[in-house]
C-alpha atoms as a PDB file:
ATOM      1  CA  MET A   1       5.722  52.711 -25.985  1.00  0.00           C
ATOM      2  CA  ALA A   2       5.455  50.136 -28.829  1.00  0.00           C
ATOM      3  CA  ALA A   3       9.129  48.621 -28.436  1.00  0.00           C
ATOM      4  CA  ALA A   4       9.134  47.963 -24.569  1.00  0.00           C
ATOM      5  CA  THR A   5       4.954  45.944 -25.884  1.00  0.00           C
ATOM      6  CA  ASP A   6       6.739  43.827 -28.552  1.00  0.00           C
ATOM      7  CA  MET A   7       9.571  43.423 -26.026  1.00  0.00           C
ATOM      8  CA  ALA A   8       7.108  42.315 -23.072  1.00  0.00           C
ATOM      9  CA  GLY A   9       5.224  39.901 -25.643  1.00  0.00           C
ATOM     10  CA  SER A  10       8.547  38.998 -26.795  1.00  0.00           C
ATOM     11  CA  GLU A  11       9.104  37.665 -23.282  1.00  0.00           C
ATOM     12  CA  ARG A  12       6.124  36.590 -22.420  1.00  0.00           C
ATOM     13  CA  GLY A  13       6.331  34.103 -25.441  1.00  0.00           C
ATOM     14  CA  GLY A  14       9.464  33.212 -25.058  1.00  0.00           C
ATOM     15  CA  MET A  15       8.621  31.785 -20.917  1.00  0.00           C
ATOM     16  CA  LEU A  16       5.398  30.143 -22.558  1.00  0.00           C
ATOM     17  CA  LEU A  17       7.912  27.887 -24.571  1.00  0.00           C
ATOM     18  CA  HIS A  18      10.456  27.816 -22.096  1.00  0.00           C
ATOM     19  CA  ALA A  19       7.237  26.096 -20.090  1.00  0.00           C
ATOM     20  CA  ALA A  20       6.608  24.090 -23.042  1.00  0.00           C
ATOM     21  CA  GLU A  21       9.227  22.111 -22.635  1.00  0.00           C
ATOM     22  CA  LEU A  22       9.954  21.888 -19.804  1.00  0.00           C
ATOM     23  CA  GLU A  23       6.434  19.719 -19.512  1.00  0.00           C
ATOM     24  CA  GLN A  24       7.713  18.072 -22.541  1.00  0.00           C
ATOM     25  CA  ASP A  25      10.661  16.734 -20.774  1.00  0.00           C
ATOM     26  CA  GLY A  26       9.128  16.391 -17.848  1.00  0.00           C
ATOM     27  CA  ARG A  27       6.468  13.915 -19.769  1.00  0.00           C
ATOM     28  CA  ALA A  28       9.763  11.479 -21.606  1.00  0.00           C
ATOM     29  CA  GLU A  29      11.075  11.013 -17.897  1.00  0.00           C
ATOM     30  CA  ARG A  30       7.947  10.358 -16.714  1.00  0.00           C
ATOM     31  CA  CYS A  31       7.896   7.466 -19.863  1.00  0.00           C
ATOM     32  CA  ARG A  32      11.724   6.683 -19.322  1.00  0.00           C
ATOM     33  CA  LEU A  33      10.951   5.718 -15.545  1.00  0.00           C
ATOM     34  CA  LEU A  34       7.775   3.813 -16.737  1.00  0.00           C
ATOM     35  CA  SER A  35       9.877   2.058 -18.811  1.00  0.00           C
ATOM     36  CA  LEU A  36      12.622   1.131 -16.763  1.00  0.00           C
ATOM     37  CA  CYS A  37      10.226   0.222 -14.199  1.00  0.00           C
ATOM     38  CA  SER A  38       6.933  -1.595 -16.057  1.00  0.00           C
ATOM     39  CA  PRO A  39       9.247  -5.473 -16.253  1.00  0.00           C
ATOM     40  CA  GLY A  40       8.826  -5.330 -11.799  1.00  0.00           C
ATOM     41  CA  LEU A  41       4.700  -3.500 -12.703  1.00  0.00           C
ATOM     42  CA  LEU A  42       3.545  -6.801 -15.104  1.00  0.00           C
ATOM     43  CA  LEU A  43       5.285  -9.352 -12.810  1.00  0.00           C
ATOM     44  CA  THR A  44       3.882  -7.554  -9.480  1.00  0.00           C
ATOM     45  CA  LEU A  45       0.084  -7.207 -11.126  1.00  0.00           C
ATOM     46  CA  GLY A  46       1.164 -11.086 -12.776  1.00  0.00           C
ATOM     47  CA  LEU A  47       1.674 -12.022  -9.390  1.00  0.00           C
ATOM     48  CA  LEU A  48      -1.568 -10.276  -8.034  1.00  0.00           C
ATOM     49  CA  ILE A  49      -4.039 -10.575 -10.776  1.00  0.00           C
ATOM     50  CA  ALA A  50      -3.249 -14.162 -11.424  1.00  0.00           C
ATOM     51  CA  PRO A  51      -4.685 -15.871  -8.437  1.00  0.00           C
ATOM     52  CA  ILE A  52      -7.687 -13.337  -8.098  1.00  0.00           C
ATOM     53  CA  GLY A  53      -8.698 -14.347 -11.092  1.00  0.00           C
ATOM     54  CA  TRP A  54      -8.275 -18.081 -10.858  1.00  0.00           C
ATOM     55  CA  LEU A  55     -11.185 -17.438  -7.295  1.00  0.00           C
ATOM     56  CA  PHE A  56     -12.803 -16.068  -9.358  1.00  0.00           C
ATOM     57  CA  TRP A  57     -12.646 -18.661 -11.833  1.00  0.00           C
ATOM     58  CA  PHE A  58     -13.587 -21.521  -9.903  1.00  0.00           C
ATOM     59  CA  SER A  59     -15.929 -19.619  -7.736  1.00  0.00           C
ATOM     60  CA  VAL A  60     -18.338 -19.240 -11.070  1.00  0.00           C
ATOM     61  CA  ILE A  61     -17.589 -23.125 -12.547  1.00  0.00           C
ATOM     62  CA  ASP A  62     -19.667 -26.152 -10.972  1.00  0.00           C
ATOM     63  CA  ASP A  63     -18.298 -29.781 -11.139  1.00  0.00           C
ATOM     64  CA  ALA A  64     -18.969 -30.436 -14.900  1.00  0.00           C
ATOM     65  CA  GLY A  65     -16.997 -26.968 -16.018  1.00  0.00           C
ATOM     66  CA  LEU A  66     -20.227 -25.171 -16.729  1.00  0.00           C
ATOM     67  CA  PHE A  67     -21.319 -21.215 -15.162  1.00  0.00           C
ATOM     68  CA  THR A  68     -23.264 -21.288 -12.310  1.00  0.00           C
ATOM     69  CA  ILE A  69     -23.869 -18.609  -9.107  1.00  0.00           C
ATOM     70  CA  GLU A  70     -24.654 -22.035  -7.316  1.00  0.00           C
ATOM     71  CA  HIS A  71     -21.356 -21.147  -4.406  1.00  0.00           C
ATOM     72  CA  TYR A  72     -22.972 -17.579  -4.245  1.00  0.00           C
ATOM     73  CA  ALA A  73     -26.480 -18.971  -3.659  1.00  0.00           C
ATOM     74  CA  ARG A  74     -25.316 -21.607  -1.182  1.00  0.00           C
ATOM     75  CA  ILE A  75     -24.223 -18.521   1.094  1.00  0.00           C
ATOM     76  CA  TRP A  76     -27.084 -16.548   0.938  1.00  0.00           C
ATOM     77  CA  THR A  77     -29.773 -19.588   1.069  1.00  0.00           C
ATOM     78  CA  GLU A  78     -27.790 -21.004   3.925  1.00  0.00           C
ATOM     79  CA  GLY A  79     -28.485 -19.953   7.783  1.00  0.00           C
ATOM     80  CA  ALA A  80     -24.750 -20.787   8.263  1.00  0.00           C
ATOM     81  CA  TYR A  81     -22.853 -18.782   5.674  1.00  0.00           C
ATOM     82  CA  VAL A  82     -24.585 -15.994   7.110  1.00  0.00           C
ATOM     83  CA  GLN A  83     -24.339 -16.418  10.888  1.00  0.00           C
ATOM     84  CA  ILE A  84     -20.159 -17.160  10.003  1.00  0.00           C
ATOM     85  CA  PHE A  85     -20.366 -13.933   8.666  1.00  0.00           C
ATOM     86  CA  LEU A  86     -21.880 -12.163  11.523  1.00  0.00           C
ATOM     87  CA  VAL A  87     -19.666 -13.852  13.733  1.00  0.00           C
ATOM     88  CA  THR A  88     -16.695 -12.439  11.961  1.00  0.00           C
ATOM     89  CA  PHE A  89     -17.100  -8.970  11.700  1.00  0.00           C
ATOM     90  CA  GLN A  90     -18.423  -9.342  15.283  1.00  0.00           C
ATOM     91  CA  VAL A  91     -15.564 -10.684  16.546  1.00  0.00           C
ATOM     92  CA  SER A  92     -13.474  -8.396  14.277  1.00  0.00           C
ATOM     93  CA  ILE A  93     -15.258  -5.464  15.615  1.00  0.00           C
ATOM     94  CA  LEU A  94     -14.804  -6.180  19.032  1.00  0.00           C
ATOM     95  CA  VAL A  95     -11.180  -6.637  19.071  1.00  0.00           C
ATOM     96  CA  THR A  96     -10.692  -3.708  17.230  1.00  0.00           C
ATOM     97  CA  GLY A  97     -12.413  -1.762  19.319  1.00  0.00           C
ATOM     98  CA  ILE A  98     -10.322  -3.386  22.370  1.00  0.00           C
ATOM     99  CA  CYS A  99      -7.181  -2.204  20.840  1.00  0.00           C
ATOM    100  CA  LEU A 100      -8.540   0.942  20.470  1.00  0.00           C
ATOM    101  CA  LEU A 101      -9.107   1.402  23.855  1.00  0.00           C
ATOM    102  CA  LEU A 102      -5.524   0.135  24.177  1.00  0.00           C
ATOM    103  CA  GLY A 103      -3.869   1.528  21.632  1.00  0.00           C
ATOM    104  CA  TYR A 104      -4.678   5.104  21.827  1.00  0.00           C
ATOM    105  CA  PRO A 105      -3.587   5.711  25.343  1.00  0.00           C
ATOM    106  CA  LEU A 106       0.038   3.501  25.047  1.00  0.00           C
ATOM    107  CA  ALA A 107       0.215   5.532  21.499  1.00  0.00           C
ATOM    108  CA  TYR A 108      -0.705   9.169  23.468  1.00  0.00           C
ATOM    109  CA  CYS A 109       2.118   7.873  26.221  1.00  0.00           C
ATOM    110  CA  LEU A 110       4.668   6.862  23.842  1.00  0.00           C
ATOM    111  CA  SER A 111       4.315  10.633  21.639  1.00  0.00           C
ATOM    112  CA  GLN A 112       4.933  12.525  24.651  1.00  0.00           C
ATOM    113  CA  LEU A 113       8.149  10.680  26.080  1.00  0.00           C
ATOM    114  CA  PRO A 114      11.494  11.538  24.501  1.00  0.00           C
ATOM    115  CA  THR A 115      12.374  10.084  21.247  1.00  0.00           C
ATOM    116  CA  ARG A 116      15.346   7.925  23.072  1.00  0.00           C
ATOM    117  CA  TRP A 117      12.716   6.256  25.129  1.00  0.00           C
ATOM    118  CA  ALA A 118      10.360   6.188  23.111  1.00  0.00           C
ATOM    119  CA  GLY A 119      11.722   3.901  21.386  1.00  0.00           C
ATOM    120  CA  ILE A 120      13.027   1.403  24.307  1.00  0.00           C
ATOM    121  CA  LEU A 121       9.799   1.352  24.800  1.00  0.00           C
ATOM    122  CA  LEU A 122       8.495   0.587  21.137  1.00  0.00           C
ATOM    123  CA  ILE A 123      10.840  -2.288  21.595  1.00  0.00           C
ATOM    124  CA  GLY A 124       7.946  -3.471  23.922  1.00  0.00           C
ATOM    125  CA  VAL A 125       5.435  -3.267  21.200  1.00  0.00           C
ATOM    126  CA  LEU A 126       7.360  -4.809  18.484  1.00  0.00           C
ATOM    127  CA  MET A 127       8.515  -7.855  21.059  1.00  0.00           C
ATOM    128  CA  PRO A 128       5.842  -9.882  19.969  1.00  0.00           C
ATOM    129  CA  PHE A 129       6.808  -9.352  15.966  1.00  0.00           C
ATOM    130  CA  TRP A 130       9.372 -11.518  17.632  1.00  0.00           C
ATOM    131  CA  THR A 131       7.686 -14.842  18.231  1.00  0.00           C
ATOM    132  CA  SER A 132       5.767 -17.339  15.697  1.00  0.00           C
ATOM    133  CA  LEU A 133       2.493 -16.384  15.714  1.00  0.00           C
ATOM    134  CA  LEU A 134       1.544 -20.237  16.111  1.00  0.00           C
ATOM    135  CA  VAL A 135       3.952 -19.917  19.363  1.00  0.00           C
ATOM    136  CA  ARG A 136       2.229 -16.784  20.651  1.00  0.00           C
ATOM    137  CA  THR A 137      -1.420 -18.632  19.930  1.00  0.00           C
ATOM    138  CA  TYR A 138      -0.142 -21.611  22.172  1.00  0.00           C
ATOM    139  CA  ALA A 139       1.285 -19.659  24.578  1.00  0.00           C
ATOM    140  CA  TRP A 140      -2.507 -17.959  25.584  1.00  0.00           C
ATOM    141  CA  LEU A 141      -3.179 -21.441  25.169  1.00  0.00           C
ATOM    142  CA  VAL A 142      -1.426 -22.855  27.793  1.00  0.00           C
ATOM    143  CA  LEU A 143      -2.035 -19.901  30.205  1.00  0.00           C
ATOM    144  CA  LEU A 144      -6.148 -19.063  29.607  1.00  0.00           C
ATOM    145  CA  GLN A 145      -6.965 -23.024  30.167  1.00  0.00           C
ATOM    146  CA  ARG A 146      -9.096 -24.404  33.116  1.00  0.00           C
ATOM    147  CA  ARG A 147      -5.765 -25.249  35.186  1.00  0.00           C
ATOM    148  CA  GLY A 148      -4.033 -22.512  33.526  1.00  0.00           C
ATOM    149  CA  ILE A 149      -1.683 -20.029  35.004  1.00  0.00           C
ATOM    150  CA  ILE A 150      -4.483 -17.463  35.126  1.00  0.00           C
ATOM    151  CA  ASN A 151      -6.776 -19.567  36.795  1.00  0.00           C
ATOM    152  CA  ASN A 152      -4.765 -21.069  39.158  1.00  0.00           C
ATOM    153  CA  VAL A 153      -3.605 -17.564  40.458  1.00  0.00           C
ATOM    154  CA  LEU A 154      -7.122 -16.491  40.510  1.00  0.00           C
ATOM    155  CA  VAL A 155      -7.944 -19.530  42.937  1.00  0.00           C
ATOM    156  CA  ASP A 156      -5.383 -19.246  44.985  1.00  0.00           C
ATOM    157  CA  LEU A 157      -5.888 -15.766  45.382  1.00  0.00           C
ATOM    158  CA  GLY A 158      -9.690 -16.730  46.367  1.00  0.00           C
ATOM    159  CA  ILE A 159     -10.971 -13.841  43.430  1.00  0.00           C
ATOM    160  CA  VAL A 160     -13.247 -17.173  42.147  1.00  0.00           C
ATOM    161  CA  ASP A 161     -14.045 -20.476  43.335  1.00  0.00           C
ATOM    162  CA  GLN A 162     -14.253 -22.508  40.319  1.00  0.00           C
ATOM    163  CA  PRO A 163     -11.910 -22.111  37.124  1.00  0.00           C
ATOM    164  CA  LEU A 164     -13.378 -19.979  34.820  1.00  0.00           C
ATOM    165  CA  ARG A 165     -13.844 -20.424  31.319  1.00  0.00           C
ATOM    166  CA  LEU A 166     -11.604 -18.549  29.181  1.00  0.00           C
ATOM    167  CA  VAL A 167      -9.988 -20.639  26.391  1.00  0.00           C
ATOM    168  CA  HIS A 168     -12.751 -22.097  23.608  1.00  0.00           C
ATOM    169  CA  ASN A 169     -14.660 -19.795  23.943  1.00  0.00           C
ATOM    170  CA  LEU A 170     -15.328 -16.244  22.258  1.00  0.00           C
ATOM    171  CA  THR A 171     -13.430 -15.170  25.235  1.00  0.00           C
ATOM    172  CA  GLY A 172     -10.159 -17.040  25.026  1.00  0.00           C
ATOM    173  CA  THR A 173     -10.031 -15.730  20.309  1.00  0.00           C
ATOM    174  CA  VAL A 174     -10.674 -12.216  21.571  1.00  0.00           C
ATOM    175  CA  ILE A 175      -7.361 -12.306  23.739  1.00  0.00           C
ATOM    176  CA  GLY A 176      -5.495 -13.460  21.970  1.00  0.00           C
ATOM    177  CA  MET A 177      -6.224 -11.777  18.569  1.00  0.00           C
ATOM    178  CA  VAL A 178      -6.014  -8.217  20.891  1.00  0.00           C
ATOM    179  CA  HIS A 179      -2.575  -9.379  21.945  1.00  0.00           C
ATOM    180  CA  ILE A 180      -1.658  -9.926  17.818  1.00  0.00           C
ATOM    181  CA  MET A 181      -3.185  -6.623  16.456  1.00  0.00           C
ATOM    182  CA  LEU A 182      -2.515  -4.639  18.730  1.00  0.00           C
ATOM    183  CA  PRO A 183       0.613  -3.572  17.584  1.00  0.00           C
ATOM    184  CA  PHE A 184      -1.199  -2.666  13.792  1.00  0.00           C
ATOM    185  CA  LEU A 185      -2.625   0.213  15.565  1.00  0.00           C
ATOM    186  CA  VAL A 186      -0.652   1.270  18.135  1.00  0.00           C
ATOM    187  CA  LEU A 187       2.387   1.939  15.059  1.00  0.00           C
ATOM    188  CA  PRO A 188       0.321   3.975  12.604  1.00  0.00           C
ATOM    189  CA  LEU A 189      -1.558   5.695  15.103  1.00  0.00           C
ATOM    190  CA  TYR A 190       2.173   6.673  17.112  1.00  0.00           C
ATOM    191  CA  ALA A 191       3.840   7.755  14.076  1.00  0.00           C
ATOM    192  CA  SER A 192       0.995  10.590  13.240  1.00  0.00           C
ATOM    193  CA  MET A 193       1.065  11.565  16.880  1.00  0.00           C
ATOM    194  CA  ARG A 194       4.647  11.299  17.174  1.00  0.00           C
ATOM    195  CA  SER A 195       4.681  14.553  13.941  1.00  0.00           C
ATOM    196  CA  ILE A 196       1.465  16.859  15.580  1.00  0.00           C
ATOM    197  CA  ASP A 197       3.610  19.754  16.713  1.00  0.00           C
ATOM    198  CA  GLY A 198       2.220  20.772  19.909  1.00  0.00           C
ATOM    199  CA  THR A 199       2.311  24.214  20.211  1.00  0.00           C
ATOM    200  CA  TYR A 200      -1.106  23.849  19.011  1.00  0.00           C
ATOM    201  CA  VAL A 201      -2.508  21.626  22.102  1.00  0.00           C
ATOM    202  CA  ARG A 202      -0.214  24.578  24.364  1.00  0.00           C
ATOM    203  CA  ALA A 203      -1.450  27.139  22.113  1.00  0.00           C
ATOM    204  CA  ALA A 204      -5.014  26.342  22.466  1.00  0.00           C
ATOM    205  CA  ALA A 205      -4.555  25.845  26.634  1.00  0.00           C
ATOM    206  CA  ASN A 206      -3.692  29.799  26.208  1.00  0.00           C
ATOM    207  CA  LEU A 207      -6.235  31.304  24.730  1.00  0.00           C
ATOM    208  CA  GLY A 208      -8.737  29.495  28.001  1.00  0.00           C
ATOM    209  CA  ALA A 209      -9.031  26.001  27.229  1.00  0.00           C
ATOM    210  CA  SER A 210      -9.153  22.856  29.735  1.00  0.00           C
ATOM    211  CA  PRO A 211      -6.934  20.037  29.214  1.00  0.00           C
ATOM    212  CA  VAL A 212      -9.721  17.830  27.855  1.00  0.00           C
ATOM    213  CA  LYS A 213     -11.389  20.905  25.527  1.00  0.00           C
ATOM    214  CA  ALA A 214      -7.466  20.776  24.178  1.00  0.00           C
ATOM    215  CA  PHE A 215      -7.653  17.083  23.542  1.00  0.00           C
ATOM    216  CA  PHE A 216     -10.905  16.925  21.676  1.00  0.00           C
ATOM    217  CA  GLN A 217     -10.669  19.517  19.807  1.00  0.00           C
ATOM    218  CA  ILE A 218      -7.126  20.008  19.064  1.00  0.00           C
ATOM    219  CA  TYR A 219      -4.868  16.796  19.569  1.00  0.00           C
ATOM    220  CA  LEU A 220      -8.291  14.363  18.316  1.00  0.00           C
ATOM    221  CA  PRO A 221      -8.669  15.592  15.364  1.00  0.00           C
ATOM    222  CA  LEU A 222      -5.376  16.394  14.470  1.00  0.00           C
ATOM    223  CA  SER A 223      -4.021  12.205  15.172  1.00  0.00           C
ATOM    224  CA  MET A 224      -7.979  11.172  12.665  1.00  0.00           C
ATOM    225  CA  PRO A 225      -5.558   9.858   9.956  1.00  0.00           C
ATOM    226  CA  GLY A 226      -3.059   7.325  11.996  1.00  0.00           C
ATOM    227  CA  LEU A 227      -6.448   6.103  14.040  1.00  0.00           C
ATOM    228  CA  VAL A 228      -8.100   5.684  11.240  1.00  0.00           C
ATOM    229  CA  ALA A 229      -5.098   3.894   9.237  1.00  0.00           C
ATOM    230  CA  GLY A 230      -5.016   1.822  11.932  1.00  0.00           C
ATOM    231  CA  LEU A 231      -8.316   1.096  13.441  1.00  0.00           C
ATOM    232  CA  VAL A 232      -8.576  -0.319   8.750  1.00  0.00           C
ATOM    233  CA  LEU A 233      -5.543  -2.571   9.073  1.00  0.00           C
ATOM    234  CA  THR A 234      -6.489  -4.285  12.207  1.00  0.00           C
ATOM    235  CA  PHE A 235     -10.453  -4.557  11.280  1.00  0.00           C
ATOM    236  CA  ILE A 236      -9.399  -6.263   7.776  1.00  0.00           C
ATOM    237  CA  LEU A 237      -6.868  -8.423   9.462  1.00  0.00           C
ATOM    238  CA  CYS A 238      -9.133  -9.466  11.686  1.00  0.00           C
ATOM    239  CA  LEU A 239     -11.575 -10.265   9.271  1.00  0.00           C
ATOM    240  CA  GLY A 240      -8.825 -13.254   7.298  1.00  0.00           C
ATOM    241  CA  PHE A 241      -7.453 -14.576  11.065  1.00  0.00           C
ATOM    242  CA  TYR A 242      -7.137 -18.514  10.944  1.00  0.00           C
ATOM    243  CA  ILE A 243      -4.815 -19.163  13.818  1.00  0.00           C
ATOM    244  CA  THR A 244      -5.853 -17.476  16.768  1.00  0.00           C
ATOM    245  CA  PRO A 245      -9.667 -18.469  16.076  1.00  0.00           C
ATOM    246  CA  ALA A 246      -8.841 -22.508  15.057  1.00  0.00           C
ATOM    247  CA  ILE A 247      -6.739 -23.043  18.468  1.00  0.00           C
ATOM    248  CA  LEU A 248      -8.446 -20.722  20.832  1.00  0.00           C
ATOM    249  CA  GLY A 249     -12.089 -21.272  19.728  1.00  0.00           C
ATOM    250  CA  GLY A 250     -11.818 -24.379  19.993  1.00  0.00           C
ATOM    251  CA  GLY A 251     -14.068 -25.135  16.965  1.00  0.00           C
ATOM    252  CA  ARG A 252     -16.857 -23.018  18.600  1.00  0.00           C
ATOM    253  CA  VAL A 253     -16.118 -19.678  16.912  1.00  0.00           C
ATOM    254  CA  GLN A 254     -16.331 -20.190  13.365  1.00  0.00           C
ATOM    255  CA  MET A 255     -15.497 -17.498  11.170  1.00  0.00           C
ATOM    256  CA  ILE A 256     -14.553 -17.185   7.535  1.00  0.00           C
ATOM    257  CA  ALA A 257     -11.352 -18.406   7.393  1.00  0.00           C
ATOM    258  CA  GLN A 258     -11.990 -21.469   8.990  1.00  0.00           C
ATOM    259  CA  ARG A 259     -15.099 -21.948   7.115  1.00  0.00           C
ATOM    260  CA  ILE A 260     -13.350 -21.838   3.801  1.00  0.00           C
ATOM    261  CA  GLU A 261     -10.911 -24.165   4.627  1.00  0.00           C
ATOM    262  CA  ALA A 262     -13.596 -26.868   5.373  1.00  0.00           C
ATOM    263  CA  SER A 263     -14.786 -26.641   2.309  1.00  0.00           C
ATOM    264  CA  VAL A 264     -11.699 -26.882   0.538  1.00  0.00           C
ATOM    265  CA  HIS A 265     -11.503 -30.159   2.396  1.00  0.00           C
ATOM    266  CA  LEU A 266     -15.930 -30.637   2.323  1.00  0.00           C
ATOM    267  CA  PHE A 267     -16.556 -29.797  -0.828  1.00  0.00           C
ATOM    268  CA  PRO A 268     -14.227 -32.519  -4.139  1.00  0.00           C
ATOM    269  CA  THR A 269     -14.235 -28.317  -5.965  1.00  0.00           C
ATOM    270  CA  TRP A 270     -13.003 -25.573  -4.339  1.00  0.00           C
ATOM    271  CA  GLY A 271     -16.233 -23.217  -5.908  1.00  0.00           C
ATOM    272  CA  PRO A 272     -17.553 -22.729  -2.470  1.00  0.00           C
ATOM    273  CA  ALA A 273     -14.304 -22.448  -0.539  1.00  0.00           C
ATOM    274  CA  ALA A 274     -13.339 -19.858  -3.904  1.00  0.00           C
ATOM    275  CA  ALA A 275     -17.345 -18.672  -3.236  1.00  0.00           C
ATOM    276  CA  LEU A 276     -15.577 -17.339  -0.043  1.00  0.00           C
ATOM    277  CA  GLY A 277     -12.703 -16.020  -0.625  1.00  0.00           C
ATOM    278  CA  VAL A 278     -14.560 -13.546  -3.217  1.00  0.00           C
ATOM    279  CA  VAL A 279     -16.973 -12.018  -1.035  1.00  0.00           C
ATOM    280  CA  LEU A 280     -14.460 -11.583   1.942  1.00  0.00           C
ATOM    281  CA  LEU A 281     -11.987  -9.814  -0.474  1.00  0.00           C
ATOM    282  CA  VAL A 282     -15.370  -8.055  -1.844  1.00  0.00           C
ATOM    283  CA  LEU A 283     -16.091  -6.518   1.169  1.00  0.00           C
ATOM    284  CA  THR A 284     -12.563  -6.545   2.168  1.00  0.00           C
ATOM    285  CA  ILE A 285     -12.564  -3.653  -0.893  1.00  0.00           C
ATOM    286  CA  ALA A 286     -15.320  -1.725   0.621  1.00  0.00           C
ATOM    287  CA  VAL A 287     -14.032  -1.384   3.931  1.00  0.00           C
ATOM    288  CA  LEU A 288     -10.281  -0.174   2.379  1.00  0.00           C
ATOM    289  CA  LEU A 289     -12.834   2.219   0.009  1.00  0.00           C
ATOM    290  CA  PHE A 290     -15.042   3.614   3.030  1.00  0.00           C
ATOM    291  CA  SER A 291     -11.899   4.259   4.713  1.00  0.00           C
ATOM    292  CA  HIS A 292     -10.573   6.007   1.725  1.00  0.00           C
ATOM    293  CA  TRP A 293     -13.265   8.069   1.544  1.00  0.00           C
ATOM    294  CA  LEU A 294     -13.679   8.971   5.610  1.00  0.00           C
ATOM    295  CA  ILE A 295     -10.102   9.984   5.167  1.00  0.00           C
ATOM    296  CA  GLY A 296     -10.870  11.782   2.432  1.00  0.00           C
ATOM    297  CA  ARG A 297     -13.377  13.807   4.417  1.00  0.00           C
ATOM    298  CA  LEU A 298     -11.824  14.507   6.863  1.00  0.00           C
ATOM    299  CA  ARG A 299      -8.855  15.850   5.254  1.00  0.00           C
ATOM    300  CA  ARG A 300     -10.969  18.317   3.375  1.00  0.00           C
ATOM    301  CA  ARG A 301     -11.859  19.555   7.091  1.00  0.00           C
ATOM    302  CA  GLY A 302      -8.624  20.441   8.023  1.00  0.00           C
ATOM    303  CA  MET A 303      -8.519  17.358  10.297  1.00  0.00           C
END
């Protein structure tokens, strides 16, 4: 009995020693990989940190090179800046909401098709990326203007008596941005939906759930990670949009990016523009952190 106990103890000791050796080898391998990747990591960090550091530096420096918070104070004390932030968030939320209403049914239909047909139809979703953003924006300007194709058709059909104001306002800005942002919502949502096992919904139907109930209780929660990722990506890209609001808004829809560009030309220093950029960066990071927290909660709940 004592010999068997000693043998078992020796085996456990050998296993622990082997596990410790494997862990040491794993640490050594990770260190070697890190040393191989370190030049690229340092270069990437430098390219990311240097511009951000430059932005922070100019946002707290005045014309004489002294420390100041005047640029940030101007943002909160002047009503024009507050209004620009409100318009930016209003447009971003509106565009993201419309992309959700259009993109979720589209992604769902694509996910239910055979892989071959879904791949063919996805080309139509990706096709806008084949054209310059500036060209697409000017194309919408041609379509939406008072004597454009859309207004001409509406007048000829007798639907309206006078041409509608579809451009150089919020309407035209939202239409152009939705067209550009929609693929950024559809693609991650489609990938998430494609990975959902259809047997879950069929099992819910076999247990007596109606199609609507099975969708909201089974399919929608399973697609939630892709949906949140697509919504966050769309919303963040909308926050920094410049070309489409500048052209289709006609100066009547002022967003943060347009104000940053105007501040660079208006002031002799880059301080006001840098402060706006820092505030926009902080807001973007806040949205990312919130989305990370939300996705974590969804995963903990099994969605």
